[in-house]
């Protein structure tokens, strides 16, 4: 009978991107390289990444610092709206602002997102078959990090909103058999010098 073992999911948001989001900035490339150095000693079995250039470039720069870890492109690791809440799910005082924010995204992204989010949960979370723990890195975008952290904490589905992640910061979630998921680390920027931390956040939130 096949058992199950722990999965350790390492999550990061891509490095800082150019204003048109077609490539990483010089700061974003440094962020990715430094995250790769931090992860050098982790026994990663794969680096999954979204299909957009900023995520793929980040994954490649991280992968350059690792020893032969395969890079795997995945639509489920992309940039999309993972869940569209109904008004009655949201706090009354912020419902208008949240729904207005979500309505500003293209209809295609809002319609396809929930299916991709379900695929991300199915593919990247939960214990793994076998007896050996698995360590995987997911290079993705702010919304999917929020969605996966929300799911690990068993928070309401709308609560992915407001969970924000800095560029190239590190979050780690453990999925152990017979136990609830554990968020071991969240939004850690300890591998980055001060001038590279908190990009992707408004200036008033830089700490």
C-alpha atoms as a PDB file:
ATOM      1  CA  UNK A   1       0.000   0.000   0.000  1.00  0.00           C
ATOM      2  CA  UNK A   2       1.371   3.385  -1.023  1.00  0.00           C
ATOM      3  CA  UNK A   3       1.715   5.889   1.802  1.00  0.00           C
ATOM      4  CA  UNK A   4       1.917   9.659   1.735  1.00  0.00           C
ATOM      5  CA  UNK A   5       4.656  12.054   2.766  1.00  0.00           C
ATOM      6  CA  UNK A   6       5.114  15.730   3.501  1.00  0.00           C
ATOM      7  CA  UNK A   7       5.109  18.290   0.727  1.00  0.00           C
ATOM      8  CA  UNK A   8       6.984  21.553   1.303  1.00  0.00           C
ATOM      9  CA  UNK A   9       5.779  24.247  -1.075  1.00  0.00           C
ATOM     10  CA  UNK A  10       8.089  27.241  -1.451  1.00  0.00           C
ATOM     11  CA  UNK A  11       6.205  30.204  -2.874  1.00  0.00           C
ATOM     12  CA  UNK A  12       7.565  33.393  -4.358  1.00  0.00           C
ATOM     13  CA  UNK A  13       6.278  36.292  -6.375  1.00  0.00           C
ATOM     14  CA  UNK A  14       8.343  37.101  -9.463  1.00  0.00           C
ATOM     15  CA  UNK A  15      11.054  39.750  -9.218  1.00  0.00           C
ATOM     16  CA  UNK A  16      10.314  43.404  -9.830  1.00  0.00           C
ATOM     17  CA  UNK A  17       9.063  43.907 -13.395  1.00  0.00           C
ATOM     18  CA  UNK A  18       9.388  46.743 -15.880  1.00  0.00           C
ATOM     19  CA  UNK A  19       6.475  49.173 -16.203  1.00  0.00           C
ATOM     20  CA  UNK A  20       5.100  47.244 -19.189  1.00  0.00           C
ATOM     21  CA  UNK A  21       5.658  43.931 -17.348  1.00  0.00           C
ATOM     22  CA  UNK A  22       7.511  42.383 -20.301  1.00  0.00           C
ATOM     23  CA  UNK A  23      10.749  41.758 -18.404  1.00  0.00           C
ATOM     24  CA  UNK A  24      12.446  42.073 -15.039  1.00  0.00           C
ATOM     25  CA  UNK A  25      14.164  45.266 -14.009  1.00  0.00           C
ATOM     26  CA  UNK A  26      17.805  45.209 -12.946  1.00  0.00           C
ATOM     27  CA  UNK A  27      16.542  45.120  -9.350  1.00  0.00           C
ATOM     28  CA  UNK A  28      14.225  42.226 -10.208  1.00  0.00           C
ATOM     29  CA  UNK A  29      17.099  40.228 -11.695  1.00  0.00           C
ATOM     30  CA  UNK A  30      19.160  40.780  -8.548  1.00  0.00           C
ATOM     31  CA  UNK A  31      16.220  39.728  -6.386  1.00  0.00           C
ATOM     32  CA  UNK A  32      15.799  36.488  -8.328  1.00  0.00           C
ATOM     33  CA  UNK A  33      19.508  35.663  -8.184  1.00  0.00           C
ATOM     34  CA  UNK A  34      19.631  36.256  -4.432  1.00  0.00           C
ATOM     35  CA  UNK A  35      16.594  34.070  -3.866  1.00  0.00           C
ATOM     36  CA  UNK A  36      18.311  31.347  -5.886  1.00  0.00           C
ATOM     37  CA  UNK A  37      21.342  31.619  -3.629  1.00  0.00           C
ATOM     38  CA  UNK A  38      19.133  31.284  -0.568  1.00  0.00           C
ATOM     39  CA  UNK A  39      17.469  28.156  -1.968  1.00  0.00           C
ATOM     40  CA  UNK A  40      20.714  26.506  -3.079  1.00  0.00           C
ATOM     41  CA  UNK A  41      20.754  24.101  -0.134  1.00  0.00           C
ATOM     42  CA  UNK A  42      17.056  23.138  -0.354  1.00  0.00           C
ATOM     43  CA  UNK A  43      16.453  19.693  -1.925  1.00  0.00           C
ATOM     44  CA  UNK A  44      14.055  21.031  -4.550  1.00  0.00           C
ATOM     45  CA  UNK A  45      12.650  18.522  -7.017  1.00  0.00           C
ATOM     46  CA  UNK A  46      11.162  21.126  -9.381  1.00  0.00           C
ATOM     47  CA  UNK A  47      10.687  24.831 -10.009  1.00  0.00           C
ATOM     48  CA  UNK A  48       7.179  25.494 -11.318  1.00  0.00           C
ATOM     49  CA  UNK A  49       6.500  28.871 -12.896  1.00  0.00           C
ATOM     50  CA  UNK A  50       3.772  30.786 -14.659  1.00  0.00           C
ATOM     51  CA  UNK A  51       3.845  31.439 -18.416  1.00  0.00           C
ATOM     52  CA  UNK A  52       4.338  35.217 -18.287  1.00  0.00           C
ATOM     53  CA  UNK A  53       7.799  36.617 -18.995  1.00  0.00           C
ATOM     54  CA  UNK A  54       8.378  38.083 -15.530  1.00  0.00           C
ATOM     55  CA  UNK A  55       7.701  34.736 -13.837  1.00  0.00           C
ATOM     56  CA  UNK A  56       9.655  32.687 -16.378  1.00  0.00           C
ATOM     57  CA  UNK A  57      12.676  34.995 -16.181  1.00  0.00           C
ATOM     58  CA  UNK A  58      12.610  34.842 -12.390  1.00  0.00           C
ATOM     59  CA  UNK A  59      12.462  31.043 -12.457  1.00  0.00           C
ATOM     60  CA  UNK A  60      15.393  30.828 -14.870  1.00  0.00           C
ATOM     61  CA  UNK A  61      17.556  33.125 -12.759  1.00  0.00           C
ATOM     62  CA  UNK A  62      16.738  31.100  -9.658  1.00  0.00           C
ATOM     63  CA  UNK A  63      17.382  27.866 -11.552  1.00  0.00           C
ATOM     64  CA  UNK A  64      20.820  29.092 -12.609  1.00  0.00           C
ATOM     65  CA  UNK A  65      21.819  28.955  -8.915  1.00  0.00           C
ATOM     66  CA  UNK A  66      20.508  25.425  -8.398  1.00  0.00           C
ATOM     67  CA  UNK A  67      22.019  22.132  -9.484  1.00  0.00           C
ATOM     68  CA  UNK A  68      19.978  20.663 -12.297  1.00  0.00           C
ATOM     69  CA  UNK A  69      16.533  21.295 -10.817  1.00  0.00           C
ATOM     70  CA  UNK A  70      14.018  21.128 -13.694  1.00  0.00           C
ATOM     71  CA  UNK A  71      11.909  24.166 -14.600  1.00  0.00           C
ATOM     72  CA  UNK A  72       8.264  23.418 -15.363  1.00  0.00           C
ATOM     73  CA  UNK A  73       5.938  25.935 -16.968  1.00  0.00           C
ATOM     74  CA  UNK A  74       2.328  25.787 -15.773  1.00  0.00           C
ATOM     75  CA  UNK A  75      -0.758  27.801 -16.691  1.00  0.00           C
ATOM     76  CA  UNK A  76      -2.035  27.153 -13.170  1.00  0.00           C
ATOM     77  CA  UNK A  77       0.946  29.135 -11.834  1.00  0.00           C
ATOM     78  CA  UNK A  78      -0.040  32.197 -13.848  1.00  0.00           C
ATOM     79  CA  UNK A  79      -1.531  35.602 -13.092  1.00  0.00           C
ATOM     80  CA  UNK A  80      -5.327  35.518 -12.745  1.00  0.00           C
ATOM     81  CA  UNK A  81      -8.275  36.232 -10.438  1.00  0.00           C
ATOM     82  CA  UNK A  82      -8.567  33.019  -8.378  1.00  0.00           C
ATOM     83  CA  UNK A  83     -12.032  33.619  -6.964  1.00  0.00           C
ATOM     84  CA  UNK A  84     -14.832  36.120  -7.580  1.00  0.00           C
ATOM     85  CA  UNK A  85     -16.805  36.713  -4.388  1.00  0.00           C
ATOM     86  CA  UNK A  86     -20.468  37.657  -4.254  1.00  0.00           C
ATOM     87  CA  UNK A  87     -21.292  40.931  -2.533  1.00  0.00           C
ATOM     88  CA  UNK A  88     -22.854  39.157   0.441  1.00  0.00           C
ATOM     89  CA  UNK A  89     -19.576  37.363   1.193  1.00  0.00           C
ATOM     90  CA  UNK A  90     -17.667  40.608   1.663  1.00  0.00           C
ATOM     91  CA  UNK A  91     -17.532  43.017   4.604  1.00  0.00           C
ATOM     92  CA  UNK A  92     -20.218  45.621   3.960  1.00  0.00           C
ATOM     93  CA  UNK A  93     -17.863  48.552   4.492  1.00  0.00           C
ATOM     94  CA  UNK A  94     -15.405  47.411   1.801  1.00  0.00           C
ATOM     95  CA  UNK A  95     -17.601  45.484  -0.649  1.00  0.00           C
ATOM     96  CA  UNK A  96     -17.922  48.330  -3.153  1.00  0.00           C
ATOM     97  CA  UNK A  97     -14.173  48.940  -3.264  1.00  0.00           C
ATOM     98  CA  UNK A  98     -13.316  45.239  -3.584  1.00  0.00           C
ATOM     99  CA  UNK A  99     -15.860  44.551  -6.309  1.00  0.00           C
ATOM    100  CA  UNK A 100     -14.820  47.689  -8.171  1.00  0.00           C
ATOM    101  CA  UNK A 101     -11.211  46.520  -8.053  1.00  0.00           C
ATOM    102  CA  UNK A 102     -12.094  43.073  -9.422  1.00  0.00           C
ATOM    103  CA  UNK A 103     -14.338  44.470 -12.146  1.00  0.00           C
ATOM    104  CA  UNK A 104     -11.362  46.394 -13.477  1.00  0.00           C
ATOM    105  CA  UNK A 105      -9.762  43.186 -14.762  1.00  0.00           C
ATOM    106  CA  UNK A 106     -10.545  41.736 -18.208  1.00  0.00           C
ATOM    107  CA  UNK A 107     -13.599  39.476 -18.347  1.00  0.00           C
ATOM    108  CA  UNK A 108     -11.519  36.586 -19.708  1.00  0.00           C
ATOM    109  CA  UNK A 109      -9.184  36.722 -16.710  1.00  0.00           C
ATOM    110  CA  UNK A 110     -12.106  36.782 -14.280  1.00  0.00           C
ATOM    111  CA  UNK A 111     -13.868  33.893 -16.026  1.00  0.00           C
ATOM    112  CA  UNK A 112     -10.888  31.569 -16.439  1.00  0.00           C
ATOM    113  CA  UNK A 113      -9.269  32.279 -13.080  1.00  0.00           C
ATOM    114  CA  UNK A 114     -11.347  30.051 -10.790  1.00  0.00           C
ATOM    115  CA  UNK A 115     -10.643  26.975 -12.920  1.00  0.00           C
ATOM    116  CA  UNK A 116      -6.922  27.681 -12.908  1.00  0.00           C
ATOM    117  CA  UNK A 117      -7.028  28.277  -9.144  1.00  0.00           C
ATOM    118  CA  UNK A 118      -8.674  24.884  -8.638  1.00  0.00           C
ATOM    119  CA  UNK A 119      -5.941  23.319 -10.768  1.00  0.00           C
ATOM    120  CA  UNK A 120      -3.287  25.040  -8.648  1.00  0.00           C
ATOM    121  CA  UNK A 121      -4.775  23.626  -5.462  1.00  0.00           C
ATOM    122  CA  UNK A 122      -4.946  20.154  -6.995  1.00  0.00           C
ATOM    123  CA  UNK A 123      -1.427  20.237  -8.422  1.00  0.00           C
ATOM    124  CA  UNK A 124       0.643  22.142  -5.889  1.00  0.00           C
ATOM    125  CA  UNK A 125      -0.865  21.433  -2.466  1.00  0.00           C
ATOM    126  CA  UNK A 126      -1.451  18.479  -0.158  1.00  0.00           C
ATOM    127  CA  UNK A 127       0.759  15.549   0.887  1.00  0.00           C
ATOM    128  CA  UNK A 128       2.495  13.548  -1.848  1.00  0.00           C
ATOM    129  CA  UNK A 129       2.373   9.863  -2.673  1.00  0.00           C
ATOM    130  CA  UNK A 130       5.215   7.730  -1.388  1.00  0.00           C
ATOM    131  CA  UNK A 131       7.485   7.863   1.623  1.00  0.00           C
ATOM    132  CA  UNK A 132       9.879  10.675   0.698  1.00  0.00           C
ATOM    133  CA  UNK A 133       9.134  14.339   1.451  1.00  0.00           C
ATOM    134  CA  UNK A 134       8.942  16.575  -1.602  1.00  0.00           C
ATOM    135  CA  UNK A 135      10.225  20.151  -1.844  1.00  0.00           C
ATOM    136  CA  UNK A 136       8.953  22.299  -4.731  1.00  0.00           C
ATOM    137  CA  UNK A 137       9.258  25.968  -5.641  1.00  0.00           C
ATOM    138  CA  UNK A 138       6.380  27.853  -7.251  1.00  0.00           C
ATOM    139  CA  UNK A 139       7.317  31.130  -8.977  1.00  0.00           C
ATOM    140  CA  UNK A 140       4.049  32.944  -9.470  1.00  0.00           C
ATOM    141  CA  UNK A 141       2.160  36.191  -8.884  1.00  0.00           C
ATOM    142  CA  UNK A 142       0.671  38.065  -5.971  1.00  0.00           C
ATOM    143  CA  UNK A 143      -2.898  36.791  -6.357  1.00  0.00           C
ATOM    144  CA  UNK A 144      -2.009  33.091  -6.418  1.00  0.00           C
ATOM    145  CA  UNK A 145       0.251  33.423  -3.383  1.00  0.00           C
ATOM    146  CA  UNK A 146      -2.691  34.990  -1.540  1.00  0.00           C
ATOM    147  CA  UNK A 147      -5.027  32.239  -2.726  1.00  0.00           C
ATOM    148  CA  UNK A 148      -2.743  29.416  -1.568  1.00  0.00           C
ATOM    149  CA  UNK A 149      -1.997  31.034   1.800  1.00  0.00           C
ATOM    150  CA  UNK A 150      -5.739  31.594   2.298  1.00  0.00           C
ATOM    151  CA  UNK A 151      -6.431  27.950   1.526  1.00  0.00           C
ATOM    152  CA  UNK A 152      -3.708  26.769   3.922  1.00  0.00           C
ATOM    153  CA  UNK A 153      -5.282  28.807   6.716  1.00  0.00           C
ATOM    154  CA  UNK A 154      -8.803  27.603   5.798  1.00  0.00           C
ATOM    155  CA  UNK A 155      -9.942  31.217   5.529  1.00  0.00           C
ATOM    156  CA  UNK A 156     -13.041  32.267   3.545  1.00  0.00           C
ATOM    157  CA  UNK A 157     -12.517  32.105  -0.206  1.00  0.00           C
ATOM    158  CA  UNK A 158     -12.737  35.875  -0.666  1.00  0.00           C
ATOM    159  CA  UNK A 159      -9.893  36.377   1.793  1.00  0.00           C
ATOM    160  CA  UNK A 160      -7.197  35.997  -0.861  1.00  0.00           C
ATOM    161  CA  UNK A 161      -7.851  39.707  -1.278  1.00  0.00           C
ATOM    162  CA  UNK A 162      -5.521  41.706   0.928  1.00  0.00           C
ATOM    163  CA  UNK A 163      -2.833  39.024   1.298  1.00  0.00           C
ATOM    164  CA  UNK A 164       0.070  40.743  -0.424  1.00  0.00           C
ATOM    165  CA  UNK A 165       3.539  39.478  -1.246  1.00  0.00           C
ATOM    166  CA  UNK A 166       6.723  41.395  -2.006  1.00  0.00           C
ATOM    167  CA  UNK A 167       8.740  40.623  -5.129  1.00  0.00           C
ATOM    168  CA  UNK A 168      11.068  37.627  -4.616  1.00  0.00           C
ATOM    169  CA  UNK A 169      10.058  37.229  -0.976  1.00  0.00           C
ATOM    170  CA  UNK A 170       9.709  33.667   0.332  1.00  0.00           C
ATOM    171  CA  UNK A 171       6.722  31.838   1.799  1.00  0.00           C
ATOM    172  CA  UNK A 172       6.821  28.159   2.820  1.00  0.00           C
ATOM    173  CA  UNK A 173       3.802  25.921   3.448  1.00  0.00           C
ATOM    174  CA  UNK A 174       4.046  22.343   4.761  1.00  0.00           C
ATOM    175  CA  UNK A 175       1.364  19.776   3.874  1.00  0.00           C
ATOM    176  CA  UNK A 176       1.723  16.789   6.202  1.00  0.00           C
ATOM    177  CA  UNK A 177      -0.427  13.646   6.173  1.00  0.00           C
ATOM    178  CA  UNK A 178      -3.182  13.754   8.758  1.00  0.00           C
ATOM    179  CA  UNK A 179      -2.467  17.364   9.782  1.00  0.00           C
ATOM    180  CA  UNK A 180      -3.703  20.762   8.644  1.00  0.00           C
ATOM    181  CA  UNK A 181      -1.367  22.761   6.411  1.00  0.00           C
ATOM    182  CA  UNK A 182       1.188  24.863   8.269  1.00  0.00           C
ATOM    183  CA  UNK A 183       2.444  28.238   7.044  1.00  0.00           C
ATOM    184  CA  UNK A 184       6.074  27.984   8.190  1.00  0.00           C
ATOM    185  CA  UNK A 185       7.265  31.255   6.684  1.00  0.00           C
ATOM    186  CA  UNK A 186       5.475  34.180   5.081  1.00  0.00           C
ATOM    187  CA  UNK A 187       6.772  37.012   2.892  1.00  0.00           C
ATOM    188  CA  UNK A 188      10.337  36.665   4.177  1.00  0.00           C
ATOM    189  CA  UNK A 189      12.843  39.026   2.553  1.00  0.00           C
ATOM    190  CA  UNK A 190      15.865  38.158   4.694  1.00  0.00           C
ATOM    191  CA  UNK A 191      17.914  37.202   1.614  1.00  0.00           C
ATOM    192  CA  UNK A 192      17.503  40.673   0.105  1.00  0.00           C
ATOM    193  CA  UNK A 193      19.396  43.842   1.032  1.00  0.00           C
ATOM    194  CA  UNK A 194      17.269  46.716   2.316  1.00  0.00           C
ATOM    195  CA  UNK A 195      17.069  48.482  -1.042  1.00  0.00           C
ATOM    196  CA  UNK A 196      15.552  45.404  -2.714  1.00  0.00           C
ATOM    197  CA  UNK A 197      12.914  44.628  -0.077  1.00  0.00           C
ATOM    198  CA  UNK A 198       9.215  45.437  -0.317  1.00  0.00           C
ATOM    199  CA  UNK A 199       9.120  46.242  -4.019  1.00  0.00           C
ATOM    200  CA  UNK A 200       5.595  45.707  -5.227  1.00  0.00           C
ATOM    201  CA  UNK A 201       4.235  47.380  -2.074  1.00  0.00           C
ATOM    202  CA  UNK A 202       3.255  51.059  -1.805  1.00  0.00           C
ATOM    203  CA  UNK A 203       5.977  53.174  -0.131  1.00  0.00           C
ATOM    204  CA  UNK A 204       4.015  53.643   3.084  1.00  0.00           C
ATOM    205  CA  UNK A 205       4.106  49.872   3.671  1.00  0.00           C
ATOM    206  CA  UNK A 206       7.878  49.480   3.327  1.00  0.00           C
ATOM    207  CA  UNK A 207       9.215  48.385   6.712  1.00  0.00           C
END
